[in-house]
């Protein structure tokens, strides 16, 4: 897993704090990546929000650290091997001329919801 630049994480923290400290804060967040979900966890801790009691969090990617977070992160698992295999197939197909360089390729691969303990029904008082 590649770490995001420090400036990007700092900006994500600013946005997460603003999102979670407002009067209409969400009861759940779907983060674009597990790394951003980790940022939501940190901002939630700073604002005394409990995951999942006060805030559900879902990530995307199922990075290795997701199951070690506290609580373990619910996430969308990507088929990493298949993404790599299909990417190589397309690159090789273009380089051999089997696939036109101008021909757009749209590939859909299945993902899997990995339910862990970072999600729960919204609080009743919300």
N, C-alpha and C. Protein backbone atom coordinates (compact mmCIF):
# COMPACT_ATOMS: atom_id res chain seq x y z
N UNK A 1 0.84 -1.17 0.00
CA UNK A 1 0.00 0.00 0.00
C UNK A 1 0.88 1.23 0.00
N UNK A 2 0.53 2.19 -0.83
CA UNK A 2 1.27 3.43 -0.91
C UNK A 2 0.62 4.46 0.00
N UNK A 3 1.44 5.16 0.76
CA UNK A 3 0.93 6.20 1.65
C UNK A 3 0.62 7.46 0.86
N UNK A 4 -0.40 8.19 1.25
CA UNK A 4 -0.72 9.46 0.62
C UNK A 4 0.25 10.52 1.11
N UNK A 5 0.51 11.55 0.29
CA UNK A 5 1.40 12.63 0.73
C UNK A 5 0.87 13.30 2.00
N UNK A 6 1.78 13.77 2.85
CA UNK A 6 1.40 14.36 4.13
C UNK A 6 0.42 15.52 3.95
N UNK A 7 0.62 16.34 2.94
CA UNK A 7 -0.28 17.46 2.69
C UNK A 7 -1.70 17.02 2.36
N UNK A 8 -1.79 15.92 1.64
CA UNK A 8 -3.09 15.37 1.27
C UNK A 8 -3.82 14.85 2.52
N UNK A 9 -3.09 14.19 3.40
CA UNK A 9 -3.67 13.68 4.64
C UNK A 9 -4.08 14.85 5.54
N UNK A 10 -3.25 15.88 5.61
CA UNK A 10 -3.58 17.05 6.42
C UNK A 10 -4.86 17.71 5.92
N UNK A 11 -5.00 17.82 4.61
CA UNK A 11 -6.22 18.41 4.03
C UNK A 11 -7.43 17.50 4.31
N UNK A 12 -7.22 16.20 4.23
CA UNK A 12 -8.31 15.26 4.53
C UNK A 12 -8.74 15.41 5.98
N UNK A 13 -7.79 15.60 6.90
CA UNK A 13 -8.13 15.80 8.31
C UNK A 13 -8.95 17.07 8.51
N UNK A 14 -8.58 18.15 7.83
CA UNK A 14 -9.34 19.40 7.92
C UNK A 14 -10.78 19.16 7.47
N UNK A 15 -10.94 18.49 6.36
CA UNK A 15 -12.28 18.22 5.83
C UNK A 15 -13.06 17.27 6.74
N UNK A 16 -12.39 16.25 7.26
CA UNK A 16 -13.06 15.28 8.15
C UNK A 16 -13.51 15.97 9.43
N UNK A 17 -12.65 16.81 10.00
CA UNK A 17 -13.04 17.54 11.22
C UNK A 17 -14.26 18.41 10.97
N UNK A 18 -14.27 19.11 9.84
CA UNK A 18 -15.39 19.98 9.51
C UNK A 18 -16.67 19.16 9.33
N UNK A 19 -16.56 18.04 8.66
CA UNK A 19 -17.72 17.18 8.42
C UNK A 19 -18.30 16.64 9.72
N UNK A 20 -17.42 16.23 10.63
CA UNK A 20 -17.88 15.57 11.85
C UNK A 20 -18.23 16.52 12.99
N UNK A 21 -17.85 17.77 12.88
CA UNK A 21 -18.13 18.70 13.98
C UNK A 21 -19.31 19.62 13.68
N UNK A 22 -19.88 19.53 12.50
CA UNK A 22 -21.01 20.38 12.14
C UNK A 22 -22.29 19.94 12.81
N UNK A 23 -23.29 20.83 12.80
CA UNK A 23 -24.57 20.51 13.45
C UNK A 23 -25.34 19.39 12.74
N UNK A 24 -25.09 19.21 11.48
CA UNK A 24 -25.78 18.17 10.70
C UNK A 24 -24.81 17.06 10.31
N UNK A 25 -23.98 16.66 11.26
CA UNK A 25 -22.98 15.65 10.95
C UNK A 25 -23.66 14.36 10.50
N UNK A 26 -22.98 13.61 9.64
CA UNK A 26 -23.57 12.36 9.15
C UNK A 26 -23.55 11.27 10.22
N UNK A 27 -24.35 10.26 10.00
CA UNK A 27 -24.32 9.08 10.86
C UNK A 27 -23.45 7.99 10.24
N UNK A 28 -23.05 8.20 8.98
CA UNK A 28 -22.20 7.23 8.30
C UNK A 28 -21.35 7.95 7.25
N UNK A 29 -20.18 7.39 7.00
CA UNK A 29 -19.28 7.93 5.97
C UNK A 29 -18.77 6.76 5.14
N UNK A 30 -18.83 6.92 3.82
CA UNK A 30 -18.20 5.97 2.90
C UNK A 30 -16.98 6.68 2.36
N UNK A 31 -15.81 6.24 2.75
CA UNK A 31 -14.56 6.87 2.33
C UNK A 31 -14.09 6.29 1.00
N UNK A 32 -13.45 7.12 0.20
CA UNK A 32 -12.97 6.71 -1.12
C UNK A 32 -11.85 5.67 -1.04
N UNK A 33 -11.23 5.54 0.11
CA UNK A 33 -10.18 4.54 0.30
C UNK A 33 -10.11 4.18 1.78
N UNK A 34 -9.46 3.09 2.08
CA UNK A 34 -9.26 2.72 3.48
C UNK A 34 -8.37 3.74 4.19
N UNK A 35 -7.44 4.32 3.46
CA UNK A 35 -6.58 5.34 4.06
C UNK A 35 -7.39 6.55 4.50
N UNK A 36 -8.36 6.96 3.68
CA UNK A 36 -9.21 8.08 4.08
C UNK A 36 -10.15 7.67 5.22
N UNK A 37 -10.55 6.42 5.24
CA UNK A 37 -11.36 5.94 6.37
C UNK A 37 -10.56 6.05 7.66
N UNK A 38 -9.28 5.76 7.58
CA UNK A 38 -8.40 5.89 8.74
C UNK A 38 -8.39 7.34 9.23
N UNK A 39 -8.42 8.28 8.31
CA UNK A 39 -8.48 9.70 8.65
C UNK A 39 -9.79 10.03 9.35
N UNK A 40 -10.88 9.44 8.88
CA UNK A 40 -12.18 9.64 9.53
C UNK A 40 -12.13 9.10 10.96
N UNK A 41 -11.50 7.96 11.16
CA UNK A 41 -11.35 7.41 12.51
C UNK A 41 -10.65 8.42 13.42
N UNK A 42 -9.56 9.01 12.92
CA UNK A 42 -8.81 9.97 13.74
C UNK A 42 -9.65 11.20 14.06
N UNK A 43 -10.35 11.73 13.06
CA UNK A 43 -11.19 12.90 13.29
C UNK A 43 -12.33 12.57 14.25
N UNK A 44 -12.89 11.38 14.14
CA UNK A 44 -13.96 10.96 15.05
C UNK A 44 -13.44 10.90 16.48
N UNK A 45 -12.26 10.37 16.67
CA UNK A 45 -11.67 10.28 18.02
C UNK A 45 -11.47 11.68 18.59
N UNK A 46 -11.03 12.62 17.77
CA UNK A 46 -10.82 13.99 18.23
C UNK A 46 -12.12 14.66 18.67
N UNK A 47 -13.22 14.27 18.05
CA UNK A 47 -14.52 14.88 18.36
C UNK A 47 -15.36 14.01 19.29
N UNK A 48 -14.72 13.02 19.90
CA UNK A 48 -15.37 12.11 20.85
C UNK A 48 -16.55 11.33 20.27
N UNK A 49 -16.47 11.03 18.97
CA UNK A 49 -17.47 10.17 18.34
C UNK A 49 -16.98 8.73 18.38
N UNK A 50 -17.86 7.83 18.74
CA UNK A 50 -17.51 6.41 18.82
C UNK A 50 -17.92 5.71 17.53
N UNK A 51 -17.04 4.88 17.02
CA UNK A 51 -17.34 4.08 15.84
C UNK A 51 -17.62 2.67 16.32
N UNK A 52 -18.74 2.07 16.00
CA UNK A 52 -19.83 2.50 15.15
C UNK A 52 -21.02 3.10 15.90
N UNK A 53 -20.94 3.25 17.21
CA UNK A 53 -22.09 3.69 17.99
C UNK A 53 -22.63 5.05 17.52
N UNK A 54 -21.73 6.00 17.23
CA UNK A 54 -22.14 7.34 16.80
C UNK A 54 -21.97 7.54 15.30
N UNK A 55 -21.06 6.80 14.71
CA UNK A 55 -20.70 7.01 13.31
C UNK A 55 -20.25 5.69 12.69
N UNK A 56 -20.92 5.30 11.61
CA UNK A 56 -20.47 4.13 10.85
C UNK A 56 -19.47 4.59 9.79
N UNK A 57 -18.46 3.75 9.54
CA UNK A 57 -17.44 4.09 8.54
C UNK A 57 -17.21 2.88 7.65
N UNK A 58 -17.19 3.13 6.33
CA UNK A 58 -16.90 2.10 5.33
C UNK A 58 -15.77 2.63 4.46
N UNK A 59 -14.79 1.78 4.19
CA UNK A 59 -13.69 2.15 3.32
C UNK A 59 -13.79 1.47 1.98
N UNK A 60 -12.74 1.60 1.19
CA UNK A 60 -12.70 0.97 -0.12
C UNK A 60 -11.29 0.48 -0.40
N UNK A 61 -11.14 -0.79 -0.64
CA UNK A 61 -9.89 -1.40 -1.07
C UNK A 61 -9.52 -2.63 -0.26
N UNK A 62 -9.86 -2.67 1.01
CA UNK A 62 -9.47 -3.74 1.93
C UNK A 62 -7.96 -3.85 2.03
N UNK A 63 -7.34 -2.70 2.34
CA UNK A 63 -5.90 -2.67 2.58
C UNK A 63 -5.58 -3.54 3.79
N UNK A 64 -4.35 -3.97 3.89
CA UNK A 64 -3.93 -4.88 4.95
C UNK A 64 -4.21 -4.39 6.35
N UNK A 65 -4.17 -3.08 6.57
CA UNK A 65 -4.40 -2.55 7.91
C UNK A 65 -5.86 -2.48 8.30
N UNK A 66 -6.79 -2.63 7.35
CA UNK A 66 -8.22 -2.44 7.62
C UNK A 66 -8.74 -3.36 8.72
N UNK A 67 -8.31 -4.61 8.72
CA UNK A 67 -8.79 -5.55 9.74
C UNK A 67 -8.13 -5.31 11.09
N UNK A 68 -7.03 -4.55 11.12
CA UNK A 68 -6.33 -4.28 12.37
C UNK A 68 -6.75 -2.97 13.02
N UNK A 69 -7.62 -2.21 12.35
CA UNK A 69 -8.08 -0.95 12.93
C UNK A 69 -9.00 -1.26 14.10
N UNK A 70 -9.25 -0.27 14.94
CA UNK A 70 -10.10 -0.48 16.10
C UNK A 70 -11.27 0.50 16.07
N UNK A 71 -12.46 -0.01 15.78
CA UNK A 71 -12.83 -1.39 15.44
C UNK A 71 -12.41 -1.71 14.00
N UNK A 72 -12.33 -3.01 13.67
CA UNK A 72 -11.96 -3.40 12.31
C UNK A 72 -12.90 -2.75 11.29
N UNK A 73 -12.31 -2.28 10.19
CA UNK A 73 -13.02 -1.49 9.19
C UNK A 73 -13.84 -2.33 8.21
N UNK A 74 -15.11 -2.00 8.08
CA UNK A 74 -15.93 -2.55 7.00
C UNK A 74 -15.45 -1.89 5.72
N UNK A 75 -15.29 -2.67 4.66
CA UNK A 75 -14.70 -2.12 3.44
C UNK A 75 -15.19 -2.87 2.21
N UNK A 76 -14.90 -2.29 1.07
CA UNK A 76 -15.19 -2.94 -0.21
C UNK A 76 -13.88 -3.52 -0.72
N UNK A 77 -13.83 -4.82 -0.90
CA UNK A 77 -12.61 -5.49 -1.37
C UNK A 77 -12.58 -5.48 -2.90
N UNK A 78 -11.48 -5.00 -3.43
CA UNK A 78 -11.26 -5.02 -4.87
C UNK A 78 -10.54 -6.30 -5.24
N UNK A 79 -10.79 -6.82 -6.43
CA UNK A 79 -10.05 -8.01 -6.86
C UNK A 79 -8.69 -7.60 -7.43
N UNK A 80 -7.72 -7.33 -6.55
CA UNK A 80 -6.43 -6.78 -6.95
C UNK A 80 -5.73 -7.63 -8.02
N UNK A 81 -5.71 -8.92 -7.83
CA UNK A 81 -5.05 -9.80 -8.80
C UNK A 81 -5.70 -9.66 -10.17
N UNK A 82 -7.03 -9.68 -10.20
CA UNK A 82 -7.75 -9.59 -11.46
C UNK A 82 -7.55 -8.22 -12.12
N UNK A 83 -7.47 -7.16 -11.32
CA UNK A 83 -7.21 -5.82 -11.87
C UNK A 83 -5.85 -5.82 -12.56
N UNK A 84 -4.84 -6.37 -11.90
CA UNK A 84 -3.51 -6.45 -12.49
C UNK A 84 -3.46 -7.32 -13.74
N UNK A 85 -4.12 -8.46 -13.67
CA UNK A 85 -4.15 -9.39 -14.81
C UNK A 85 -4.82 -8.74 -16.02
N UNK A 86 -5.96 -8.12 -15.79
CA UNK A 86 -6.70 -7.50 -16.89
C UNK A 86 -5.94 -6.30 -17.45
N UNK A 87 -5.29 -5.53 -16.58
CA UNK A 87 -4.48 -4.39 -17.04
C UNK A 87 -3.35 -4.87 -17.94
N UNK A 88 -2.65 -5.92 -17.51
CA UNK A 88 -1.56 -6.47 -18.31
C UNK A 88 -2.08 -6.99 -19.64
N UNK A 89 -3.21 -7.65 -19.61
CA UNK A 89 -3.82 -8.17 -20.83
C UNK A 89 -4.12 -7.04 -21.82
N UNK A 90 -4.65 -5.94 -21.33
CA UNK A 90 -4.96 -4.80 -22.20
C UNK A 90 -3.69 -4.15 -22.75
N UNK A 91 -2.68 -3.97 -21.90
CA UNK A 91 -1.42 -3.37 -22.36
C UNK A 91 -0.77 -4.25 -23.42
N UNK A 92 -0.71 -5.55 -23.15
CA UNK A 92 -0.11 -6.46 -24.12
C UNK A 92 -0.91 -6.51 -25.41
N UNK A 93 -2.21 -6.46 -25.29
CA UNK A 93 -3.07 -6.45 -26.48
C UNK A 93 -2.86 -5.21 -27.32
N UNK A 94 -2.67 -4.08 -26.69
CA UNK A 94 -2.40 -2.85 -27.45
C UNK A 94 -1.02 -2.87 -28.07
N UNK A 95 -0.03 -3.36 -27.32
CA UNK A 95 1.34 -3.37 -27.85
C UNK A 95 1.48 -4.36 -29.01
N UNK A 96 0.69 -5.42 -29.02
CA UNK A 96 0.76 -6.40 -30.12
C UNK A 96 -0.15 -6.02 -31.28
N UNK A 97 -0.98 -5.00 -31.08
CA UNK A 97 -1.88 -4.57 -32.15
C UNK A 97 -3.21 -5.29 -32.15
N UNK A 98 -3.43 -6.22 -31.23
CA UNK A 98 -4.72 -6.93 -31.16
C UNK A 98 -5.85 -6.00 -30.73
N UNK A 99 -5.50 -5.00 -29.95
CA UNK A 99 -6.48 -4.02 -29.49
C UNK A 99 -6.03 -2.66 -29.99
N UNK A 100 -6.93 -1.93 -30.63
CA UNK A 100 -6.61 -0.60 -31.14
C UNK A 100 -6.29 0.34 -29.99
N UNK A 101 -5.24 1.15 -30.15
CA UNK A 101 -4.86 2.13 -29.15
C UNK A 101 -5.94 3.16 -28.92
N UNK A 102 -6.81 3.34 -29.89
CA UNK A 102 -7.89 4.34 -29.76
C UNK A 102 -9.19 3.71 -29.27
N UNK A 103 -9.22 2.42 -29.21
CA UNK A 103 -10.42 1.71 -28.78
C UNK A 103 -10.53 1.75 -27.26
N UNK A 104 -11.59 2.35 -26.77
CA UNK A 104 -11.78 2.43 -25.32
C UNK A 104 -12.19 1.06 -24.78
N UNK A 105 -11.62 0.72 -23.66
CA UNK A 105 -11.96 -0.54 -23.02
C UNK A 105 -12.61 -0.25 -21.68
N UNK A 106 -13.77 -0.78 -21.48
CA UNK A 106 -14.45 -0.66 -20.20
C UNK A 106 -14.54 -2.06 -19.60
N UNK A 107 -13.98 -2.21 -18.43
CA UNK A 107 -13.92 -3.52 -17.79
C UNK A 107 -14.60 -3.43 -16.42
N UNK A 108 -15.50 -4.32 -16.17
CA UNK A 108 -16.18 -4.38 -14.88
C UNK A 108 -15.74 -5.65 -14.16
N UNK A 109 -15.31 -5.48 -12.93
CA UNK A 109 -14.91 -6.62 -12.13
C UNK A 109 -15.73 -6.62 -10.84
N UNK A 110 -16.05 -7.78 -10.32
CA UNK A 110 -16.86 -7.83 -9.10
C UNK A 110 -16.06 -7.35 -7.88
N UNK A 111 -16.77 -6.74 -6.97
CA UNK A 111 -16.18 -6.36 -5.69
C UNK A 111 -16.93 -7.10 -4.59
N UNK A 112 -16.40 -7.06 -3.39
CA UNK A 112 -17.02 -7.78 -2.28
C UNK A 112 -17.10 -6.86 -1.06
N UNK A 113 -18.27 -6.81 -0.46
CA UNK A 113 -18.43 -6.07 0.79
C UNK A 113 -17.90 -6.94 1.93
N UNK A 114 -16.92 -6.43 2.66
CA UNK A 114 -16.35 -7.15 3.79
C UNK A 114 -16.85 -6.46 5.05
N UNK A 115 -17.83 -7.06 5.68
CA UNK A 115 -18.45 -6.45 6.86
C UNK A 115 -17.62 -6.79 8.09
N UNK A 116 -17.18 -5.73 8.75
CA UNK A 116 -16.47 -5.90 10.01
C UNK A 116 -17.25 -5.11 11.07
N UNK A 117 -16.58 -4.51 12.01
CA UNK A 117 -17.32 -3.92 13.13
C UNK A 117 -17.41 -2.39 13.11
N UNK A 118 -17.14 -1.74 11.97
CA UNK A 118 -17.20 -0.28 11.93
C UNK A 118 -18.55 0.26 11.49
N UNK A 119 -19.52 -0.62 11.33
CA UNK A 119 -20.85 -0.19 10.90
C UNK A 119 -21.92 -0.73 11.83
N UNK A 120 -22.98 0.09 11.98
CA UNK A 120 -24.12 -0.28 12.82
C UNK A 120 -25.30 0.57 12.39
N UNK A 121 -26.50 0.21 12.81
CA UNK A 121 -27.65 1.09 12.54
C UNK A 121 -27.40 2.48 13.13
N UNK A 122 -27.98 3.51 12.53
CA UNK A 122 -27.77 4.87 13.07
C UNK A 122 -28.32 5.01 14.48
N UNK A 123 -27.73 5.90 15.25
CA UNK A 123 -28.24 6.12 16.62
C UNK A 123 -29.70 6.56 16.58
N UNK A 124 -30.47 6.12 17.54
CA UNK A 124 -31.91 6.45 17.57
C UNK A 124 -32.17 7.93 17.77
N UNK A 125 -31.26 8.64 18.45
CA UNK A 125 -31.48 10.06 18.72
C UNK A 125 -31.16 10.95 17.53
N UNK A 126 -30.77 10.38 16.43
CA UNK A 126 -30.45 11.16 15.24
C UNK A 126 -31.64 11.13 14.34
